[in-house]
Amino acid sequence: MNATLKLGDVIEWDIPNWSVALSYWVRRTAHELSSIHALEIGARNGGLSLWAAWHGMHVVCTDLSGPSQAAIDKHQQYGVSQLVRYEQLNALDIPYSEAFDVVLFKSVLGGIGRGDHRENQRKAIHEIYKSLRQGGELWFAENLTASPVHQFLRRRYVEWGDKWRYVTIQDMKEFLSVFPAVEYTTVGFLGTLGRNSFQRLVLGTLDRMGVDRVVGESWRYIIIGIARK
């Protein structure tokens, strides 16, 4: 196992803001990390699976068409492949029941709801609930609708910006109401506005230094939390 885990290999985008999820989950989970059996949904390049396996979790790394070769290579490079299994998985039809201690995802509900399919987002959360053991936890980090500025820039400059269904805080509360206990925070305003990795690093750092505290909750662009079954 490599000595140092690079956050860029886990998060990939706006590291200062999205990486808040990792410390939030570690601080607030009721589980011992090294004993967890976890499922990552929408893994793509397998960043969260890498982070989970790095902490000793046994992980099923999944995506709709299966995780990328980059995910497999990355896990091999870090020496955690023995803790990771790869599968194709549709979040609308999860073939597991009461199987996992933790299900985790980052930025997947927008794609699941593309074409304004709000009910698909709700269904995905219910499928996750079904797949968790009693006492299991959903660890989530998701893109919010955020401010009018974010909404305009997504439509103008993001290829899928007018196709994804970005969620509101109220959406998340409603979708997660099946869980007996939910806690969350919101972060990020400037970080996503950078046009390259350096700009996002600088702007995300400004968010963490205090911009978040002067921006209303509904204008922040990431919701992070834990829902307990």
C-alpha atoms as a PDB file:
ATOM      1  CA  MET A   1       0.000   0.000   0.000  1.00  0.00           C
ATOM      2  CA  ASN A   2       1.366   3.423  -0.924  1.00  0.00           C
ATOM      3  CA  ALA A   3       2.364   5.608   2.009  1.00  0.00           C
ATOM      4  CA  THR A   4       0.377   8.681   0.986  1.00  0.00           C
ATOM      5  CA  LEU A   5      -3.147   8.977  -0.375  1.00  0.00           C
ATOM      6  CA  LYS A   6      -3.490  11.934  -2.746  1.00  0.00           C
ATOM      7  CA  LEU A   7      -6.826  13.712  -2.374  1.00  0.00           C
ATOM      8  CA  GLY A   8      -6.796  14.481  -6.084  1.00  0.00           C
ATOM      9  CA  ASP A   9      -7.064  10.746  -6.789  1.00  0.00           C
ATOM     10  CA  VAL A  10     -10.134  10.563  -4.546  1.00  0.00           C
ATOM     11  CA  ILE A  11     -11.983  13.800  -5.307  1.00  0.00           C
ATOM     12  CA  GLU A  12     -10.713  14.996  -8.742  1.00  0.00           C
ATOM     13  CA  TRP A  13     -12.750  18.238  -8.786  1.00  0.00           C
ATOM     14  CA  ASP A  14     -12.724  21.273  -6.415  1.00  0.00           C
ATOM     15  CA  ILE A  15     -10.762  19.339  -3.823  1.00  0.00           C
ATOM     16  CA  PRO A  16     -11.053  21.865  -0.941  1.00  0.00           C
ATOM     17  CA  ASN A  17     -14.854  21.702  -0.954  1.00  0.00           C
ATOM     18  CA  TRP A  18     -15.663  18.120  -1.961  1.00  0.00           C
ATOM     19  CA  SER A  19     -13.049  16.670   0.404  1.00  0.00           C
ATOM     20  CA  VAL A  20     -15.048  18.072   3.320  1.00  0.00           C
ATOM     21  CA  ALA A  21     -17.254  15.008   2.823  1.00  0.00           C
ATOM     22  CA  LEU A  22     -14.438  12.644   3.794  1.00  0.00           C
ATOM     23  CA  SER A  23     -13.729  14.254   7.155  1.00  0.00           C
ATOM     24  CA  TYR A  24     -17.449  14.738   7.814  1.00  0.00           C
ATOM     25  CA  TRP A  25     -18.183  11.024   7.301  1.00  0.00           C
ATOM     26  CA  VAL A  26     -15.240   9.897   9.423  1.00  0.00           C
ATOM     27  CA  ARG A  27     -16.189  12.184  12.313  1.00  0.00           C
ATOM     28  CA  ARG A  28     -19.861  11.291  12.362  1.00  0.00           C
ATOM     29  CA  THR A  29     -20.139   7.636  11.435  1.00  0.00           C
ATOM     30  CA  ALA A  30     -21.130   5.132  14.095  1.00  0.00           C
ATOM     31  CA  HIS A  31     -19.020   2.443  12.402  1.00  0.00           C
ATOM     32  CA  GLU A  32     -15.435   1.316  12.803  1.00  0.00           C
ATOM     33  CA  LEU A  33     -14.032   2.027   9.351  1.00  0.00           C
ATOM     34  CA  SER A  34     -11.843  -1.044   9.026  1.00  0.00           C
ATOM     35  CA  SER A  35     -14.803  -3.403   9.602  1.00  0.00           C
ATOM     36  CA  ILE A  36     -17.168  -1.852   7.059  1.00  0.00           C
ATOM     37  CA  HIS A  37     -18.609  -3.540   3.975  1.00  0.00           C
ATOM     38  CA  ALA A  38     -19.373  -0.684   1.581  1.00  0.00           C
ATOM     39  CA  LEU A  39     -20.956  -0.046  -1.797  1.00  0.00           C
ATOM     40  CA  GLU A  40     -19.914   2.888  -3.976  1.00  0.00           C
ATOM     41  CA  ILE A  41     -22.521   3.980  -6.520  1.00  0.00           C
ATOM     42  CA  GLY A  42     -21.593   5.953  -9.629  1.00  0.00           C
ATOM     43  CA  ALA A  43     -17.921   5.274  -9.008  1.00  0.00           C
ATOM     44  CA  ARG A  44     -16.589   6.026 -12.498  1.00  0.00           C
ATOM     45  CA  ASN A  45     -12.866   6.461 -11.669  1.00  0.00           C
ATOM     46  CA  GLY A  46     -13.286   4.831  -8.272  1.00  0.00           C
ATOM     47  CA  GLY A  47     -12.149   7.677  -6.041  1.00  0.00           C
ATOM     48  CA  LEU A  48     -14.385   6.952  -3.068  1.00  0.00           C
ATOM     49  CA  SER A  49     -13.701   3.226  -3.360  1.00  0.00           C
ATOM     50  CA  LEU A  50      -9.984   4.010  -3.213  1.00  0.00           C
ATOM     51  CA  TRP A  51     -10.482   6.121  -0.092  1.00  0.00           C
ATOM     52  CA  ALA A  52     -12.700   3.472   1.527  1.00  0.00           C
ATOM     53  CA  ALA A  53     -10.301   0.613   0.793  1.00  0.00           C
ATOM     54  CA  TRP A  54      -7.410   2.772   1.999  1.00  0.00           C
ATOM     55  CA  HIS A  55      -9.174   2.811   5.385  1.00  0.00           C
ATOM     56  CA  GLY A  56      -9.540  -0.979   5.332  1.00  0.00           C
ATOM     57  CA  MET A  57     -13.134  -1.225   4.120  1.00  0.00           C
ATOM     58  CA  HIS A  58     -14.279  -4.012   1.804  1.00  0.00           C
ATOM     59  CA  VAL A  59     -15.817  -2.187  -1.152  1.00  0.00           C
ATOM     60  CA  VAL A  60     -18.019  -3.040  -4.110  1.00  0.00           C
ATOM     61  CA  CYS A  61     -17.083  -0.388  -6.685  1.00  0.00           C
ATOM     62  CA  THR A  62     -19.897   0.115  -9.204  1.00  0.00           C
ATOM     63  CA  ASP A  63     -21.088   2.244 -12.071  1.00  0.00           C
ATOM     64  CA  LEU A  64     -23.886   1.914 -14.611  1.00  0.00           C
ATOM     65  CA  SER A  65     -21.469   0.574 -17.234  1.00  0.00           C
ATOM     66  CA  GLY A  66     -18.946  -0.626 -14.702  1.00  0.00           C
ATOM     67  CA  PRO A  67     -16.064   1.397 -13.226  1.00  0.00           C
ATOM     68  CA  SER A  68     -13.443   2.715 -15.635  1.00  0.00           C
ATOM     69  CA  GLN A  69     -10.099   1.068 -16.321  1.00  0.00           C
ATOM     70  CA  ALA A  70      -8.609   4.132 -14.638  1.00  0.00           C
ATOM     71  CA  ALA A  71     -10.346   3.064 -11.407  1.00  0.00           C
ATOM     72  CA  ILE A  72      -8.897  -0.445 -11.582  1.00  0.00           C
ATOM     73  CA  ASP A  73      -5.416   0.888 -12.378  1.00  0.00           C
ATOM     74  CA  LYS A  74      -5.601   3.424  -9.564  1.00  0.00           C
ATOM     75  CA  HIS A  75      -6.559   0.807  -6.992  1.00  0.00           C
ATOM     76  CA  GLN A  76      -3.720  -1.418  -8.155  1.00  0.00           C
ATOM     77  CA  GLN A  77      -1.238   1.439  -7.916  1.00  0.00           C
ATOM     78  CA  TYR A  78      -2.280   2.107  -4.321  1.00  0.00           C
ATOM     79  CA  GLY A  79      -2.166  -1.568  -3.400  1.00  0.00           C
ATOM     80  CA  VAL A  80      -5.804  -1.852  -2.290  1.00  0.00           C
ATOM     81  CA  SER A  81      -7.225  -4.058  -5.071  1.00  0.00           C
ATOM     82  CA  GLN A  82      -7.644  -7.018  -2.732  1.00  0.00           C
ATOM     83  CA  LEU A  83     -10.333  -5.040  -0.877  1.00  0.00           C
ATOM     84  CA  VAL A  84     -12.280  -3.979  -3.985  1.00  0.00           C
ATOM     85  CA  ARG A  85     -14.772  -5.832  -6.194  1.00  0.00           C
ATOM     86  CA  TYR A  86     -16.072  -4.331  -9.449  1.00  0.00           C
ATOM     87  CA  GLU A  87     -19.614  -4.525 -10.813  1.00  0.00           C
ATOM     88  CA  GLN A  88     -22.025  -2.939 -13.234  1.00  0.00           C
ATOM     89  CA  LEU A  89     -24.937  -1.594 -11.219  1.00  0.00           C
ATOM     90  CA  ASN A  90     -28.025   0.482 -11.918  1.00  0.00           C
ATOM     91  CA  ALA A  91     -28.906   2.586  -8.883  1.00  0.00           C
ATOM     92  CA  LEU A  92     -32.576   2.244  -9.827  1.00  0.00           C
ATOM     93  CA  ASP A  93     -32.403  -1.527  -9.408  1.00  0.00           C
ATOM     94  CA  ILE A  94     -29.810  -2.457  -6.785  1.00  0.00           C
ATOM     95  CA  PRO A  95     -29.624  -6.277  -6.553  1.00  0.00           C
ATOM     96  CA  TYR A  96     -28.818  -6.331  -2.844  1.00  0.00           C
ATOM     97  CA  SER A  97     -30.946  -6.361   0.290  1.00  0.00           C
ATOM     98  CA  GLU A  98     -29.575  -5.574   3.767  1.00  0.00           C
ATOM     99  CA  ALA A  99     -26.061  -6.325   2.503  1.00  0.00           C
ATOM    100  CA  PHE A 100     -23.947  -3.260   3.348  1.00  0.00           C
ATOM    101  CA  ASP A 101     -22.892  -1.244   6.374  1.00  0.00           C
ATOM    102  CA  VAL A 102     -22.357   1.824   4.203  1.00  0.00           C
ATOM    103  CA  VAL A 103     -23.404   3.021   0.773  1.00  0.00           C
ATOM    104  CA  LEU A 104     -21.557   6.083  -0.464  1.00  0.00           C
ATOM    105  CA  PHE A 105     -21.750   8.325  -3.494  1.00  0.00           C
ATOM    106  CA  LYS A 106     -20.549  11.663  -4.793  1.00  0.00           C
ATOM    107  CA  SER A 107     -22.373  13.667  -7.454  1.00  0.00           C
ATOM    108  CA  VAL A 108     -24.646  11.005  -8.933  1.00  0.00           C
ATOM    109  CA  LEU A 109     -28.254  12.074  -8.319  1.00  0.00           C
ATOM    110  CA  GLY A 110     -28.092  14.822 -10.929  1.00  0.00           C
ATOM    111  CA  GLY A 111     -27.328  12.274 -13.625  1.00  0.00           C
ATOM    112  CA  ILE A 112     -29.910   9.812 -12.316  1.00  0.00           C
ATOM    113  CA  GLY A 113     -32.509  12.563 -12.593  1.00  0.00           C
ATOM    114  CA  ARG A 114     -31.441  13.789 -16.031  1.00  0.00           C
ATOM    115  CA  GLY A 115     -34.358  14.871 -18.161  1.00  0.00           C
ATOM    116  CA  ASP A 116     -36.180  16.141 -15.046  1.00  0.00           C
ATOM    117  CA  HIS A 117     -36.874  12.622 -13.729  1.00  0.00           C
ATOM    118  CA  ARG A 118     -37.258  13.532 -10.076  1.00  0.00           C
ATOM    119  CA  GLU A 119     -38.880  10.212  -9.236  1.00  0.00           C
ATOM    120  CA  ASN A 120     -35.750   8.385 -10.379  1.00  0.00           C
ATOM    121  CA  GLN A 121     -33.772  10.266  -7.750  1.00  0.00           C
ATOM    122  CA  ARG A 122     -36.258   9.283  -5.084  1.00  0.00           C
ATOM    123  CA  LYS A 123     -36.221   5.666  -6.267  1.00  0.00           C
ATOM    124  CA  ALA A 124     -32.426   5.532  -6.119  1.00  0.00           C
ATOM    125  CA  ILE A 125     -32.486   6.606  -2.468  1.00  0.00           C
ATOM    126  CA  HIS A 126     -35.091   3.961  -1.677  1.00  0.00           C
ATOM    127  CA  GLU A 127     -32.985   1.314  -3.436  1.00  0.00           C
ATOM    128  CA  ILE A 128     -30.006   2.383  -1.333  1.00  0.00           C
ATOM    129  CA  TYR A 129     -32.107   2.130   1.817  1.00  0.00           C
ATOM    130  CA  LYS A 130     -33.085  -1.429   0.861  1.00  0.00           C
ATOM    131  CA  SER A 131     -29.461  -2.418   0.312  1.00  0.00           C
ATOM    132  CA  LEU A 132     -28.338  -1.271   3.773  1.00  0.00           C
ATOM    133  CA  ARG A 133     -28.294  -3.434   6.855  1.00  0.00           C
ATOM    134  CA  GLN A 134     -30.194  -2.263   9.920  1.00  0.00           C
ATOM    135  CA  GLY A 135     -28.024   0.455  11.431  1.00  0.00           C
ATOM    136  CA  GLY A 136     -26.318   1.007   8.072  1.00  0.00           C
ATOM    137  CA  GLU A 137     -25.500   4.461   6.769  1.00  0.00           C
ATOM    138  CA  LEU A 138     -25.743   6.334   3.494  1.00  0.00           C
ATOM    139  CA  TRP A 139     -22.799   8.711   3.065  1.00  0.00           C
ATOM    140  CA  PHE A 140     -23.713  11.282   0.426  1.00  0.00           C
ATOM    141  CA  ALA A 141     -22.191  14.310  -1.279  1.00  0.00           C
ATOM    142  CA  GLU A 142     -24.296  15.818  -4.039  1.00  0.00           C
ATOM    143  CA  ASN A 143     -24.518  18.884  -6.274  1.00  0.00           C
ATOM    144  CA  LEU A 144     -27.236  21.339  -5.278  1.00  0.00           C
ATOM    145  CA  THR A 145     -29.106  23.769  -7.513  1.00  0.00           C
ATOM    146  CA  ALA A 146     -27.184  26.513  -5.674  1.00  0.00           C
ATOM    147  CA  SER A 147     -27.362  30.199  -6.658  1.00  0.00           C
ATOM    148  CA  PRO A 148     -28.771  31.799  -9.827  1.00  0.00           C
ATOM    149  CA  VAL A 149     -25.148  32.419 -10.862  1.00  0.00           C
ATOM    150  CA  HIS A 150     -24.352  28.704 -10.655  1.00  0.00           C
ATOM    151  CA  GLN A 151     -27.509  27.831 -12.557  1.00  0.00           C
ATOM    152  CA  PHE A 152     -26.729  30.264 -15.369  1.00  0.00           C
ATOM    153  CA  LEU A 153     -23.107  29.172 -15.712  1.00  0.00           C
ATOM    154  CA  ARG A 154     -24.077  25.495 -15.811  1.00  0.00           C
ATOM    155  CA  ARG A 155     -26.526  26.114 -18.643  1.00  0.00           C
ATOM    156  CA  ARG A 156     -23.969  28.213 -20.491  1.00  0.00           C
ATOM    157  CA  TYR A 157     -20.718  26.337 -20.002  1.00  0.00           C
ATOM    158  CA  VAL A 158     -21.356  22.798 -18.694  1.00  0.00           C
ATOM    159  CA  GLU A 159     -22.049  20.251 -21.414  1.00  0.00           C
ATOM    160  CA  TRP A 160     -24.684  18.449 -19.345  1.00  0.00           C
ATOM    161  CA  GLY A 161     -25.722  21.480 -17.298  1.00  0.00           C
ATOM    162  CA  ASP A 162     -29.182  21.780 -18.852  1.00  0.00           C
ATOM    163  CA  LYS A 163     -29.783  18.017 -18.756  1.00  0.00           C
ATOM    164  CA  TRP A 164     -28.949  17.085 -15.170  1.00  0.00           C
ATOM    165  CA  ARG A 165     -31.558  17.561 -12.488  1.00  0.00           C
ATOM    166  CA  TYR A 166     -29.671  19.329  -9.716  1.00  0.00           C
ATOM    167  CA  VAL A 167     -31.349  18.764  -6.355  1.00  0.00           C
ATOM    168  CA  THR A 168     -32.489  21.274  -3.778  1.00  0.00           C
ATOM    169  CA  ILE A 169     -32.022  20.894  -0.034  1.00  0.00           C
ATOM    170  CA  GLN A 170     -35.762  20.284   0.229  1.00  0.00           C
ATOM    171  CA  ASP A 171     -35.517  17.534  -2.393  1.00  0.00           C
ATOM    172  CA  MET A 172     -32.855  15.801  -0.326  1.00  0.00           C
ATOM    173  CA  LYS A 173     -34.877  16.074   2.870  1.00  0.00           C
ATOM    174  CA  GLU A 174     -37.863  14.543   1.105  1.00  0.00           C
ATOM    175  CA  PHE A 175     -35.898  11.746  -0.588  1.00  0.00           C
ATOM    176  CA  LEU A 176     -34.121  10.870   2.666  1.00  0.00           C
ATOM    177  CA  SER A 177     -37.277  10.909   4.800  1.00  0.00           C
ATOM    178  CA  VAL A 178     -37.332   7.089   4.608  1.00  0.00           C
ATOM    179  CA  PHE A 179     -34.315   7.127   6.957  1.00  0.00           C
ATOM    180  CA  PRO A 180     -35.004   7.591  10.692  1.00  0.00           C
ATOM    181  CA  ALA A 181     -32.021   9.921  11.160  1.00  0.00           C
ATOM    182  CA  VAL A 182     -30.370  12.350   8.745  1.00  0.00           C
ATOM    183  CA  GLU A 183     -27.733  15.011   9.299  1.00  0.00           C
ATOM    184  CA  TYR A 184     -26.124  17.230   6.701  1.00  0.00           C
ATOM    185  CA  THR A 185     -24.096  20.328   5.973  1.00  0.00           C
ATOM    186  CA  THR A 186     -23.638  22.452   2.858  1.00  0.00           C
ATOM    187  CA  VAL A 187     -20.379  23.830   1.488  1.00  0.00           C
ATOM    188  CA  GLY A 188     -18.888  25.555  -1.517  1.00  0.00           C
ATOM    189  CA  PHE A 189     -19.693  28.645  -3.520  1.00  0.00           C
ATOM    190  CA  LEU A 190     -16.659  29.886  -5.451  1.00  0.00           C
ATOM    191  CA  GLY A 191     -14.801  26.605  -5.925  1.00  0.00           C
ATOM    192  CA  THR A 192     -16.848  25.323  -8.833  1.00  0.00           C
ATOM    193  CA  LEU A 193     -16.501  28.597 -10.740  1.00  0.00           C
ATOM    194  CA  GLY A 194     -12.831  28.060 -11.577  1.00  0.00           C
ATOM    195  CA  ARG A 195     -12.111  27.126 -15.185  1.00  0.00           C
ATOM    196  CA  ASN A 196      -9.029  25.030 -14.423  1.00  0.00           C
ATOM    197  CA  SER A 197      -7.684  23.010 -11.494  1.00  0.00           C
ATOM    198  CA  PHE A 198      -5.514  25.829 -10.158  1.00  0.00           C
ATOM    199  CA  GLN A 199      -8.390  28.325 -10.155  1.00  0.00           C
ATOM    200  CA  ARG A 200     -10.672  25.790  -8.449  1.00  0.00           C
ATOM    201  CA  LEU A 201      -8.016  25.153  -5.803  1.00  0.00           C
ATOM    202  CA  VAL A 202      -7.656  28.868  -5.066  1.00  0.00           C
ATOM    203  CA  LEU A 203     -11.389  29.592  -5.086  1.00  0.00           C
ATOM    204  CA  GLY A 204     -12.230  26.469  -3.090  1.00  0.00           C
ATOM    205  CA  THR A 205      -9.643  27.463  -0.500  1.00  0.00           C
ATOM    206  CA  LEU A 206     -11.308  30.880  -0.232  1.00  0.00           C
ATOM    207  CA  ASP A 207     -14.606  29.080   0.416  1.00  0.00           C
ATOM    208  CA  ARG A 208     -13.000  27.116   3.225  1.00  0.00           C
ATOM    209  CA  MET A 209     -11.391  30.282   4.645  1.00  0.00           C
ATOM    210  CA  GLY A 210     -14.722  31.968   5.159  1.00  0.00           C
ATOM    211  CA  VAL A 211     -16.708  32.680   2.013  1.00  0.00           C
ATOM    212  CA  ASP A 212     -19.128  29.871   2.929  1.00  0.00           C
ATOM    213  CA  ARG A 213     -19.975  31.614   6.184  1.00  0.00           C
ATOM    214  CA  VAL A 214     -21.270  34.724   4.425  1.00  0.00           C
ATOM    215  CA  VAL A 215     -23.237  32.858   1.735  1.00  0.00           C
ATOM    216  CA  GLY A 216     -26.702  31.507   2.507  1.00  0.00           C
ATOM    217  CA  GLU A 217     -27.187  27.743   2.754  1.00  0.00           C
ATOM    218  CA  SER A 218     -29.349  27.575  -0.358  1.00  0.00           C
ATOM    219  CA  TRP A 219     -26.620  29.259  -2.471  1.00  0.00           C
ATOM    220  CA  ARG A 220     -23.909  26.724  -1.612  1.00  0.00           C
ATOM    221  CA  TYR A 221     -23.471  24.059  -4.230  1.00  0.00           C
ATOM    222  CA  ILE A 222     -22.667  20.844  -2.311  1.00  0.00           C
ATOM    223  CA  ILE A 223     -24.742  19.001   0.272  1.00  0.00           C
ATOM    224  CA  ILE A 224     -22.861  16.462   2.423  1.00  0.00           C
ATOM    225  CA  GLY A 225     -24.356  14.161   5.014  1.00  0.00           C
ATOM    226  CA  ILE A 226     -25.129  10.834   6.629  1.00  0.00           C
ATOM    227  CA  ALA A 227     -28.517   9.083   6.679  1.00  0.00           C
ATOM    228  CA  ARG A 228     -28.906   6.191   9.153  1.00  0.00           C
ATOM    229  CA  LYS A 229     -31.248   3.246   8.746  1.00  0.00           C
END
